[in-house]
PDB file of N, CA and C in Angstrom:
ATOM      1  N   MET A   1     -62.621 -70.014  -2.353  1.00  0.00           N
ATOM      2  CA  MET A   1     -62.008 -69.528  -3.528  1.00  0.00           C
ATOM      3  C   MET A   1     -61.070 -70.305  -3.739  1.00  0.00           C
ATOM      4  N   PRO A   2     -60.283 -71.131  -4.595  1.00  0.00           N
ATOM      5  CA  PRO A   2     -59.303 -71.865  -4.707  1.00  0.00           C
ATOM      6  C   PRO A   2     -58.260 -70.823  -4.964  1.00  0.00           C
ATOM      7  N   ALA A   3     -56.747 -70.831  -4.338  1.00  0.00           N
ATOM      8  CA  ALA A   3     -55.787 -70.051  -4.827  1.00  0.00           C
ATOM      9  C   ALA A   3     -54.723 -70.516  -5.817  1.00  0.00           C
ATOM     10  N   SER A   4     -54.329 -69.657  -6.546  1.00  0.00           N
ATOM     11  CA  SER A   4     -53.602 -70.192  -7.615  1.00  0.00           C
ATOM     12  C   SER A   4     -52.575 -69.080  -7.497  1.00  0.00           C
ATOM     13  N   ARG A   5     -51.325 -69.304  -8.340  1.00  0.00           N
ATOM     14  CA  ARG A   5     -50.216 -68.492  -8.434  1.00  0.00           C
ATOM     15  C   ARG A   5     -49.944 -67.676  -9.752  1.00  0.00           C
ATOM     16  N   TYR A   6     -49.869 -66.031  -9.243  1.00  0.00           N
ATOM     17  CA  TYR A   6     -50.053 -65.327 -10.424  1.00  0.00           C
ATOM     18  C   TYR A   6     -48.729 -64.194 -10.190  1.00  0.00           C
ATOM     19  N   PRO A   7     -48.005 -63.426 -10.960  1.00  0.00           N
ATOM     20  CA  PRO A   7     -47.337 -62.945 -10.879  1.00  0.00           C
ATOM     21  C   PRO A   7     -47.476 -61.113  -9.934  1.00  0.00           C
ATOM     22  N   CYS A   8     -46.607 -61.045  -8.887  1.00  0.00           N
ATOM     23  CA  CYS A   8     -46.852 -59.816  -8.258  1.00  0.00           C
ATOM     24  C   CYS A   8     -46.964 -58.476  -9.559  1.00  0.00           C
ATOM     25  N   ARG A   9     -47.827 -57.560  -9.026  1.00  0.00           N
ATOM     26  CA  ARG A   9     -48.053 -56.505  -9.719  1.00  0.00           C
ATOM     27  C   ARG A   9     -46.948 -55.424  -9.712  1.00  0.00           C
ATOM     28  N   VAL A  10     -45.997 -55.623  -8.939  1.00  0.00           N
ATOM     29  CA  VAL A  10     -44.908 -54.563  -8.487  1.00  0.00           C
ATOM     30  C   VAL A  10     -43.562 -55.159  -9.092  1.00  0.00           C
ATOM     31  N   CYS A  11     -43.254 -56.227  -8.707  1.00  0.00           N
ATOM     32  CA  CYS A  11     -42.067 -57.027  -9.084  1.00  0.00           C
ATOM     33  C   CYS A  11     -42.293 -58.137 -10.047  1.00  0.00           C
ATOM     34  N   GLY A  12     -43.261 -58.818 -10.228  1.00  0.00           N
ATOM     35  CA  GLY A  12     -43.163 -59.872 -10.898  1.00  0.00           C
ATOM     36  C   GLY A  12     -43.131 -61.278 -10.558  1.00  0.00           C
ATOM     37  N   GLN A  13     -42.720 -61.301  -9.236  1.00  0.00           N
ATOM     38  CA  GLN A  13     -42.708 -62.576  -8.371  1.00  0.00           C
ATOM     39  C   GLN A  13     -43.733 -63.177  -8.181  1.00  0.00           C
ATOM     40  N   SER A  14     -43.754 -64.446  -8.359  1.00  0.00           N
ATOM     41  CA  SER A  14     -44.925 -65.614  -8.468  1.00  0.00           C
ATOM     42  C   SER A  14     -45.212 -65.402  -7.077  1.00  0.00           C
ATOM     43  N   THR A  15     -46.551 -65.305  -6.842  1.00  0.00           N
ATOM     44  CA  THR A  15     -47.281 -64.914  -5.557  1.00  0.00           C
ATOM     45  C   THR A  15     -48.633 -65.900  -5.794  1.00  0.00           C
ATOM     46  N   GLU A  16     -48.967 -66.258  -4.497  1.00  0.00           N
ATOM     47  CA  GLU A  16     -50.363 -67.035  -4.358  1.00  0.00           C
ATOM     48  C   GLU A  16     -51.201 -66.208  -4.058  1.00  0.00           C
ATOM     49  N   GLY A  17     -52.583 -66.412  -4.665  1.00  0.00           N
ATOM     50  CA  GLY A  17     -53.503 -65.313  -4.501  1.00  0.00           C
ATOM     51  C   GLY A  17     -54.848 -65.886  -5.050  1.00  0.00           C
ATOM     52  N   THR A  18     -55.875 -65.201  -4.517  1.00  0.00           N
ATOM     53  CA  THR A  18     -57.417 -65.761  -5.095  1.00  0.00           C
ATOM     54  C   THR A  18     -57.810 -65.128  -6.334  1.00  0.00           C
ATOM     55  N   ASP A  19     -57.071 -64.040  -6.672  1.00  0.00           N
ATOM     56  CA  ASP A  19     -57.542 -63.500  -7.922  1.00  0.00           C
ATOM     57  C   ASP A  19     -55.926 -63.166  -8.455  1.00  0.00           C
ATOM     58  N   SER A  20     -56.038 -62.483  -9.908  1.00  0.00           N
ATOM     59  CA  SER A  20     -54.936 -62.125 -10.400  1.00  0.00           C
ATOM     60  C   SER A  20     -54.192 -60.911 -10.028  1.00  0.00           C
ATOM     61  N   TYR A  21     -54.975 -59.938  -9.121  1.00  0.00           N
ATOM     62  CA  TYR A  21     -54.590 -58.830  -8.906  1.00  0.00           C
ATOM     63  C   TYR A  21     -53.599 -59.167  -7.191  1.00  0.00           C
ATOM     64  N   VAL A  22     -52.454 -59.612  -7.329  1.00  0.00           N
ATOM     65  CA  VAL A  22     -51.687 -60.005  -6.234  1.00  0.00           C
ATOM     66  C   VAL A  22     -50.291 -58.961  -6.589  1.00  0.00           C
ATOM     67  N   VAL A  23     -50.094 -58.728  -4.981  1.00  0.00           N
ATOM     68  CA  VAL A  23     -48.685 -57.798  -4.601  1.00  0.00           C
ATOM     69  C   VAL A  23     -47.960 -58.603  -3.697  1.00  0.00           C
ATOM     70  N   CYS A  24     -46.708 -59.139  -3.774  1.00  0.00           N
ATOM     71  CA  CYS A  24     -46.203 -60.152  -2.708  1.00  0.00           C
ATOM     72  C   CYS A  24     -45.615 -59.261  -1.682  1.00  0.00           C
ATOM     73  N   SER A  25     -45.310 -60.291  -0.366  1.00  0.00           N
ATOM     74  CA  SER A  25     -45.346 -59.542   0.964  1.00  0.00           C
ATOM     75  C   SER A  25     -44.117 -58.804   1.011  1.00  0.00           C
ATOM     76  N   PRO A  26     -43.131 -59.027   0.239  1.00  0.00           N
ATOM     77  CA  PRO A  26     -41.719 -57.862   0.176  1.00  0.00           C
ATOM     78  C   PRO A  26     -42.201 -56.595  -0.199  1.00  0.00           C
ATOM     79  N   CYS A  27     -43.335 -56.742  -1.357  1.00  0.00           N
ATOM     80  CA  CYS A  27     -43.539 -55.453  -2.019  1.00  0.00           C
ATOM     81  C   CYS A  27     -44.459 -54.668  -0.940  1.00  0.00           C
ATOM     82  N   VAL A  28     -45.490 -55.551  -0.176  1.00  0.00           N
ATOM     83  CA  VAL A  28     -46.390 -54.505   0.618  1.00  0.00           C
ATOM     84  C   VAL A  28     -45.344 -54.018   1.629  1.00  0.00           C
ATOM     85  N   GLU A  29     -44.380 -54.882   2.196  1.00  0.00           N
ATOM     86  CA  GLU A  29     -43.926 -54.306   3.288  1.00  0.00           C
ATOM     87  C   GLU A  29     -43.017 -53.122   2.837  1.00  0.00           C
ATOM     88  N   ASP A  30     -42.178 -53.044   1.723  1.00  0.00           N
ATOM     89  CA  ASP A  30     -41.631 -52.025   1.283  1.00  0.00           C
ATOM     90  C   ASP A  30     -42.502 -50.832   1.028  1.00  0.00           C
ATOM     91  N   PHE A  31     -43.763 -50.947   0.599  1.00  0.00           N
ATOM     92  CA  PHE A  31     -44.865 -50.032   0.286  1.00  0.00           C
ATOM     93  C   PHE A  31     -45.013 -49.405   1.825  1.00  0.00           C
ATOM     94  N   GLU A  32     -45.319 -50.081   2.900  1.00  0.00           N
ATOM     95  CA  GLU A  32     -45.938 -49.832   3.927  1.00  0.00           C
ATOM     96  C   GLU A  32     -44.582 -49.134   4.601  1.00  0.00           C
ATOM     97  N   MET A  33     -43.566 -49.397   4.657  1.00  0.00           N
ATOM     98  CA  MET A  33     -42.579 -48.557   5.080  1.00  0.00           C
ATOM     99  C   MET A  33     -41.955 -47.085   4.434  1.00  0.00           C
ATOM    100  N   ARG A  34     -42.405 -47.133   3.222  1.00  0.00           N
ATOM    101  CA  ARG A  34     -42.060 -45.853   2.413  1.00  0.00           C
ATOM    102  C   ARG A  34     -43.189 -45.373   2.819  1.00  0.00           C
ATOM    103  N   ALA A  35     -44.617 -45.475   3.039  1.00  0.00           N
ATOM    104  CA  ALA A  35     -45.912 -44.574   3.424  1.00  0.00           C
ATOM    105  C   ALA A  35     -45.600 -44.127   4.853  1.00  0.00           C
ATOM    106  N   GLY A  36     -44.856 -44.994   5.589  1.00  0.00           N
ATOM    107  CA  GLY A  36     -44.663 -44.406   6.880  1.00  0.00           C
ATOM    108  C   GLY A  36     -43.690 -43.281   6.921  1.00  0.00           C
ATOM    109  N   GLU A  37     -43.041 -43.191   6.024  1.00  0.00           N
ATOM    110  CA  GLU A  37     -41.984 -42.305   5.644  1.00  0.00           C
ATOM    111  C   GLU A  37     -41.959 -40.896   4.611  1.00  0.00           C
ATOM    112  N   ARG A  38     -43.359 -40.828   4.479  1.00  0.00           N
ATOM    113  CA  ARG A  38     -43.603 -39.797   3.491  1.00  0.00           C
ATOM    114  C   ARG A  38     -42.546 -38.454   3.952  1.00  0.00           C
ATOM    115  N   GLY A  39     -42.205 -37.810   3.070  1.00  0.00           N
ATOM    116  CA  GLY A  39     -41.498 -36.573   3.028  1.00  0.00           C
ATOM    117  C   GLY A  39     -39.957 -37.031   3.463  1.00  0.00           C
ATOM    118  N   SER A  40     -39.816 -38.325   3.611  1.00  0.00           N
ATOM    119  CA  SER A  40     -38.025 -38.676   3.940  1.00  0.00           C
ATOM    120  C   SER A  40     -37.724 -38.799   2.325  1.00  0.00           C
ATOM    121  N   THR A  41     -36.367 -38.569   2.461  1.00  0.00           N
ATOM    122  CA  THR A  41     -35.828 -38.720   1.165  1.00  0.00           C
ATOM    123  C   THR A  41     -35.124 -40.170   1.289  1.00  0.00           C
ATOM    124  N   THR A  42     -34.884 -40.556   2.356  1.00  0.00           N
ATOM    125  CA  THR A  42     -33.934 -41.748   2.453  1.00  0.00           C
ATOM    126  C   THR A  42     -34.827 -43.111   2.905  1.00  0.00           C
ATOM    127  N   VAL A  43     -34.219 -44.055   2.768  1.00  0.00           N
ATOM    128  CA  VAL A  43     -35.138 -45.637   2.952  1.00  0.00           C
ATOM    129  C   VAL A  43     -34.684 -45.739   4.427  1.00  0.00           C
ATOM    130  N   PRO A  44     -35.476 -46.104   5.345  1.00  0.00           N
ATOM    131  CA  PRO A  44     -35.388 -46.504   6.950  1.00  0.00           C
ATOM    132  C   PRO A  44     -34.463 -47.859   6.453  1.00  0.00           C
ATOM    133  N   ALA A  45     -33.026 -47.965   7.905  1.00  0.00           N
ATOM    134  CA  ALA A  45     -32.430 -48.864   7.712  1.00  0.00           C
ATOM    135  C   ALA A  45     -33.138 -50.319   8.407  1.00  0.00           C
ATOM    136  N   PRO A  46     -32.408 -51.366   7.832  1.00  0.00           N
ATOM    137  CA  PRO A  46     -33.296 -52.269   8.565  1.00  0.00           C
ATOM    138  C   PRO A  46     -33.349 -52.515  10.011  1.00  0.00           C
ATOM    139  N   CYS A  47     -33.998 -53.572  10.514  1.00  0.00           N
ATOM    140  CA  CYS A  47     -33.738 -53.399  12.031  1.00  0.00           C
ATOM    141  C   CYS A  47     -32.465 -53.941  12.477  1.00  0.00           C
ATOM    142  N   SER A  48     -32.110 -52.963  13.719  1.00  0.00           N
ATOM    143  CA  SER A  48     -30.908 -53.183  14.358  1.00  0.00           C
ATOM    144  C   SER A  48     -31.053 -54.250  15.222  1.00  0.00           C
ATOM    145  N   PRO A  49     -29.715 -54.913  15.518  1.00  0.00           N
ATOM    146  CA  PRO A  49     -29.551 -55.915  16.339  1.00  0.00           C
ATOM    147  C   PRO A  49     -30.207 -56.048  17.714  1.00  0.00           C
ATOM    148  N   ALA A  50     -30.450 -54.596  18.274  1.00  0.00           N
ATOM    149  CA  ALA A  50     -31.055 -54.637  19.672  1.00  0.00           C
ATOM    150  C   ALA A  50     -32.810 -54.557  19.383  1.00  0.00           C
ATOM    151  N   GLU A  51     -33.250 -54.468  17.898  1.00  0.00           N
ATOM    152  CA  GLU A  51     -34.644 -54.805  18.057  1.00  0.00           C
ATOM    153  C   GLU A  51     -35.129 -56.092  17.732  1.00  0.00           C
ATOM    154  N   PRO A  52     -35.968 -56.574  18.220  1.00  0.00           N
ATOM    155  CA  PRO A  52     -36.363 -57.970  17.891  1.00  0.00           C
ATOM    156  C   PRO A  52     -36.943 -58.026  16.286  1.00  0.00           C
ATOM    157  N   PRO A  53     -36.987 -58.993  15.704  1.00  0.00           N
ATOM    158  CA  PRO A  53     -37.533 -59.318  14.155  1.00  0.00           C
ATOM    159  C   PRO A  53     -38.916 -59.289  14.426  1.00  0.00           C
ATOM    160  N   ALA A  54     -39.536 -59.015  13.379  1.00  0.00           N
ATOM    161  CA  ALA A  54     -40.833 -58.455  13.250  1.00  0.00           C
ATOM    162  C   ALA A  54     -41.422 -60.208  13.250  1.00  0.00           C
ATOM    163  N   VAL A  55     -42.820 -60.336  13.640  1.00  0.00           N
ATOM    164  CA  VAL A  55     -43.386 -61.585  13.898  1.00  0.00           C
ATOM    165  C   VAL A  55     -44.246 -61.332  12.592  1.00  0.00           C
ATOM    166  N   PRO A  56     -43.706 -63.009  12.163  1.00  0.00           N
ATOM    167  CA  PRO A  56     -44.042 -63.562  10.669  1.00  0.00           C
ATOM    168  C   PRO A  56     -45.940 -63.405  10.873  1.00  0.00           C
ATOM    169  N   LEU A  57     -46.474 -62.960   9.845  1.00  0.00           N
ATOM    170  CA  LEU A  57     -47.914 -62.548   9.921  1.00  0.00           C
ATOM    171  C   LEU A  57     -48.621 -63.878   9.093  1.00  0.00           C
ATOM    172  N   SER A  58     -49.928 -64.247   9.554  1.00  0.00           N
ATOM    173  CA  SER A  58     -50.660 -65.651   9.173  1.00  0.00           C
ATOM    174  C   SER A  58     -50.897 -65.158   7.707  1.00  0.00           C
ATOM    175  N   PRO A  59     -51.365 -66.182   6.965  1.00  0.00           N
ATOM    176  CA  PRO A  59     -52.207 -65.935   5.455  1.00  0.00           C
ATOM    177  C   PRO A  59     -52.919 -64.882   5.988  1.00  0.00           C
ATOM    178  N   ASP A  60     -54.043 -65.231   6.708  1.00  0.00           N
ATOM    179  CA  ASP A  60     -54.919 -64.382   6.449  1.00  0.00           C
ATOM    180  C   ASP A  60     -54.818 -62.820   6.896  1.00  0.00           C
ATOM    181  N   GLU A  61     -54.134 -62.552   7.518  1.00  0.00           N
ATOM    182  CA  GLU A  61     -53.631 -61.462   8.164  1.00  0.00           C
ATOM    183  C   GLU A  61     -52.773 -60.923   7.280  1.00  0.00           C
ATOM    184  N   VAL A  62     -52.130 -61.490   6.188  1.00  0.00           N
ATOM    185  CA  VAL A  62     -51.289 -61.115   5.098  1.00  0.00           C
ATOM    186  C   VAL A  62     -52.373 -60.399   4.374  1.00  0.00           C
ATOM    187  N   GLU A  63     -53.128 -61.074   3.807  1.00  0.00           N
ATOM    188  CA  GLU A  63     -54.543 -61.101   3.054  1.00  0.00           C
ATOM    189  C   GLU A  63     -55.272 -59.927   3.346  1.00  0.00           C
ATOM    190  N   ALA A  64     -55.795 -59.658   4.715  1.00  0.00           N
ATOM    191  CA  ALA A  64     -56.241 -58.496   5.040  1.00  0.00           C
ATOM    192  C   ALA A  64     -55.671 -57.255   4.997  1.00  0.00           C
ATOM    193  N   ARG A  65     -54.457 -57.427   5.114  1.00  0.00           N
ATOM    194  CA  ARG A  65     -53.290 -56.075   4.834  1.00  0.00           C
ATOM    195  C   ARG A  65     -53.629 -55.486   3.657  1.00  0.00           C
ATOM    196  N   LEU A  66     -53.090 -56.504   2.596  1.00  0.00           N
ATOM    197  CA  LEU A  66     -53.265 -56.464   1.159  1.00  0.00           C
ATOM    198  C   LEU A  66     -54.434 -55.972   0.769  1.00  0.00           C
ATOM    199  N   ARG A  67     -55.600 -56.581   1.198  1.00  0.00           N
ATOM    200  CA  ARG A  67     -57.016 -55.964   0.556  1.00  0.00           C
ATOM    201  C   ARG A  67     -57.297 -54.396   1.374  1.00  0.00           C
ATOM    202  N   LYS A  68     -56.637 -54.209   2.458  1.00  0.00           N
ATOM    203  CA  LYS A  68     -56.927 -52.679   3.119  1.00  0.00           C
ATOM    204  C   LYS A  68     -56.429 -51.902   2.003  1.00  0.00           C
ATOM    205  N   LEU A  69     -54.877 -52.306   1.738  1.00  0.00           N
ATOM    206  CA  LEU A  69     -54.020 -51.344   0.871  1.00  0.00           C
ATOM    207  C   LEU A  69     -54.614 -51.047  -0.093  1.00  0.00           C
ATOM    208  N   LEU A  70     -54.969 -52.084  -1.160  1.00  0.00           N
ATOM    209  CA  LEU A  70     -55.659 -52.069  -2.310  1.00  0.00           C
ATOM    210  C   LEU A  70     -57.077 -51.274  -2.310  1.00  0.00           C
ATOM    211  N   ASP A  71     -57.996 -51.401  -1.274  1.00  0.00           N
ATOM    212  CA  ASP A  71     -58.928 -50.701  -0.808  1.00  0.00           C
ATOM    213  C   ASP A  71     -58.441 -49.112  -0.924  1.00  0.00           C
ATOM    214  N   GLY A  72     -57.536 -48.940  -0.110  1.00  0.00           N
ATOM    215  CA  GLY A  72     -57.471 -47.243  -0.390  1.00  0.00           C
ATOM    216  C   GLY A  72     -56.385 -46.568  -1.123  1.00  0.00           C
ATOM    217  N   TRP A  73     -56.354 -47.622  -2.319  1.00  0.00           N
ATOM    218  CA  TRP A  73     -55.511 -47.314  -3.446  1.00  0.00           C
ATOM    219  C   TRP A  73     -56.475 -46.562  -4.452  1.00  0.00           C
TER     220      TRP A  73
END
C-alpha cells in the first residue's frame, strides 16, 4: 500500500502514513512518556547528559508501535 502525507491526529503536523489515521512520532513519544508516568502530575525531564540518547527507530518499528497504541486505544 503506498504511503501518503496526512495531518497528525494530535498536533496536525504533516505525517507519512498508509491511511489517514496517523500520529506523528513526537506525539507517540509524548503519549508513551505520559502513559508511563500515570498518577504523576509532572512531565518527566528530558534525558540528562549522563544518559545516552535514544536509538532512532526504523520506519517499521515506528509503524508497529503506532498500530499497537491504536489497537489498545
